[in-house]
């Protein structure tokens, strides 16, 4: 049996999946969902819920669609308990993704955030843009819709 890669997807990649379904972040999320194990923590799920609840998205997608997206993501993601705290990122709001990766034995962090990308690799974990994540995967050559 092939071991599935354990992947941390940052909030922006997930929101892009919902709002821009043909974007590189959306394709990276689809690939990770179909082939990998997606990790989430209470903190990352709370941030996703907060961001998806913002009225600025009302013009693009209904609140019901955003709530459904959050519920579905919560069902497919493997919940990781944060035991070891990380205080490394120059933007402390991003430490939650590093904590998730470290505590969840992640094989990759997918993000477009420069504060996280500057840490590549983080404790041996690749920190990749969605485009780099897609390029690193043999399956990315096909359509992952």
Protein backbone atom coordinates (compact mmCIF):
# COMPACT_ATOMS: atom_id res chain seq x y z
CA UNK A 1 0.00 0.00 0.00
CA UNK A 2 1.29 3.45 -0.91
CA UNK A 3 1.58 5.88 1.98
CA UNK A 4 -0.44 9.02 1.33
CA UNK A 5 1.35 12.34 1.77
CA UNK A 6 0.18 14.30 4.80
CA UNK A 7 -0.54 17.85 3.62
CA UNK A 8 -1.27 21.18 5.29
CA UNK A 9 -3.30 23.55 3.11
CA UNK A 10 -3.34 27.17 4.21
CA UNK A 11 -6.58 29.16 4.40
CA UNK A 12 -5.90 31.16 1.25
CA UNK A 13 -5.46 28.01 -0.83
CA UNK A 14 -8.74 26.63 0.51
CA UNK A 15 -10.63 29.87 -0.12
CA UNK A 16 -9.18 30.00 -3.64
CA UNK A 17 -10.54 26.48 -4.20
CA UNK A 18 -14.02 27.78 -3.48
CA UNK A 19 -13.83 31.16 -5.22
CA UNK A 20 -11.49 30.46 -8.16
CA UNK A 21 -12.02 26.80 -9.11
CA UNK A 22 -9.61 26.93 -12.08
CA UNK A 23 -6.72 28.58 -10.23
CA UNK A 24 -3.44 26.87 -9.31
CA UNK A 25 -4.39 26.87 -5.60
CA UNK A 26 -7.71 25.22 -6.46
CA UNK A 27 -5.96 22.56 -8.56
CA UNK A 28 -3.47 21.95 -5.74
CA UNK A 29 -6.30 21.52 -3.23
CA UNK A 30 -8.14 19.11 -5.55
CA UNK A 31 -4.97 17.08 -6.04
CA UNK A 32 -4.27 16.95 -2.31
CA UNK A 33 -7.86 15.98 -1.50
CA UNK A 34 -7.89 13.20 -4.10
CA UNK A 35 -4.46 11.72 -3.40
CA UNK A 36 -3.26 12.79 0.05
CA UNK A 37 -4.28 13.06 3.68
CA UNK A 38 -5.33 16.60 4.50
CA UNK A 39 -4.52 17.82 8.00
CA UNK A 40 -6.44 20.36 10.09
CA UNK A 41 -6.34 21.61 13.66
CA UNK A 42 -8.92 23.43 15.73
CA UNK A 43 -7.05 26.70 15.06
CA UNK A 44 -6.86 26.24 11.27
CA UNK A 45 -10.53 25.23 11.08
CA UNK A 46 -11.54 28.24 13.18
CA UNK A 47 -9.59 30.55 10.89
CA UNK A 48 -11.21 29.01 7.81
CA UNK A 49 -14.67 29.44 9.36
CA UNK A 50 -13.89 33.06 10.25
CA UNK A 51 -12.62 33.91 6.78
CA UNK A 52 -15.49 32.17 4.99
CA UNK A 53 -17.96 34.06 7.17
CA UNK A 54 -16.76 37.47 5.98
CA UNK A 55 -19.38 39.52 4.13
CA UNK A 56 -16.86 40.49 1.41
CA UNK A 57 -17.41 37.05 -0.16
CA UNK A 58 -21.20 37.50 -0.43
CA UNK A 59 -20.88 38.82 -3.97
CA UNK A 60 -19.04 35.68 -5.12
CA UNK A 61 -20.55 32.74 -3.27
CA UNK A 62 -23.50 32.36 -0.91
CA UNK A 63 -23.04 31.87 2.81
CA UNK A 64 -24.76 28.50 2.44
CA UNK A 65 -22.17 27.39 -0.12
CA UNK A 66 -19.38 28.55 2.17
CA UNK A 67 -20.89 26.70 5.13
CA UNK A 68 -21.23 23.54 3.04
CA UNK A 69 -17.61 23.87 1.92
CA UNK A 70 -16.48 24.21 5.55
CA UNK A 71 -18.54 21.19 6.65
CA UNK A 72 -17.18 19.04 3.82
CA UNK A 73 -13.62 20.11 4.52
CA UNK A 74 -14.10 19.33 8.20
CA UNK A 75 -15.22 15.81 7.27
CA UNK A 76 -12.31 14.98 4.98
CA UNK A 77 -9.53 16.56 7.02
CA UNK A 78 -7.68 14.53 9.62
CA UNK A 79 -7.83 16.42 12.91
CA UNK A 80 -4.48 16.87 14.60
CA UNK A 81 -4.14 17.72 18.26
CA UNK A 82 -1.54 20.43 18.84
CA UNK A 83 0.80 19.32 21.60
CA UNK A 84 4.01 21.09 20.60
CA UNK A 85 3.68 24.86 20.23
CA UNK A 86 5.59 26.61 17.44
CA UNK A 87 6.59 30.26 17.53
CA UNK A 88 8.73 30.64 14.43
CA UNK A 89 6.96 32.62 11.71
CA UNK A 90 7.58 36.35 11.35
CA UNK A 91 3.77 36.64 11.19
CA UNK A 92 2.59 34.92 14.38
CA UNK A 93 -0.86 34.30 12.84
CA UNK A 94 0.79 31.73 10.58
CA UNK A 95 2.33 29.69 13.39
CA UNK A 96 -0.87 27.60 13.49
CA UNK A 97 0.06 26.07 10.10
CA UNK A 98 3.59 25.29 11.27
CA UNK A 99 2.20 23.73 14.45
CA UNK A 100 -0.17 21.62 12.39
CA UNK A 101 2.64 20.47 10.11
CA UNK A 102 4.99 19.64 12.99
CA UNK A 103 2.38 17.92 15.16
CA UNK A 104 0.78 16.12 12.22
CA UNK A 105 4.03 14.83 10.68
CA UNK A 106 3.20 16.62 7.44
CA UNK A 107 5.05 15.94 4.22
CA UNK A 108 4.22 19.35 2.74
CA UNK A 109 2.74 22.75 3.52
CA UNK A 110 0.93 24.36 0.56
CA UNK A 111 0.71 28.14 0.77
CA UNK A 112 1.08 31.34 -1.18
CA UNK A 113 2.03 33.28 1.97
CA UNK A 114 5.53 34.74 1.74
CA UNK A 115 5.98 34.60 5.52
CA UNK A 116 5.56 30.81 5.40
CA UNK A 117 7.40 30.33 2.10
CA UNK A 118 10.44 32.09 3.61
CA UNK A 119 10.77 29.17 6.06
CA UNK A 120 11.18 26.50 3.33
CA UNK A 121 11.94 23.89 4.40
CA UNK A 122 10.43 24.05 7.87
CA UNK A 123 11.93 21.29 10.04
CA UNK A 124 12.51 19.28 6.89
CA UNK A 125 8.95 19.82 5.63
CA UNK A 126 8.73 21.42 2.18
CA UNK A 127 6.83 24.72 2.17
CA UNK A 128 5.53 25.01 -1.38
CA UNK A 129 3.46 27.37 -3.46
CA UNK A 130 0.44 25.68 -5.03
CA UNK A 131 2.23 25.74 -8.40
CA UNK A 132 5.36 24.12 -6.92
CA UNK A 133 3.21 21.51 -5.16
CA UNK A 134 1.52 20.63 -8.46
CA UNK A 135 4.87 20.46 -10.25
CA UNK A 136 6.29 18.16 -7.56
CA UNK A 137 3.61 15.54 -8.13
CA UNK A 138 3.54 13.08 -11.04
CA UNK A 139 -0.29 13.01 -10.90
CA UNK A 140 -0.42 16.77 -11.46
CA UNK A 141 0.08 16.26 -15.18
CA UNK A 142 -3.53 15.11 -15.49
CA UNK A 143 -6.65 17.11 -14.77
CA UNK A 144 -7.65 16.72 -11.11
CA UNK A 145 -11.15 18.14 -11.29
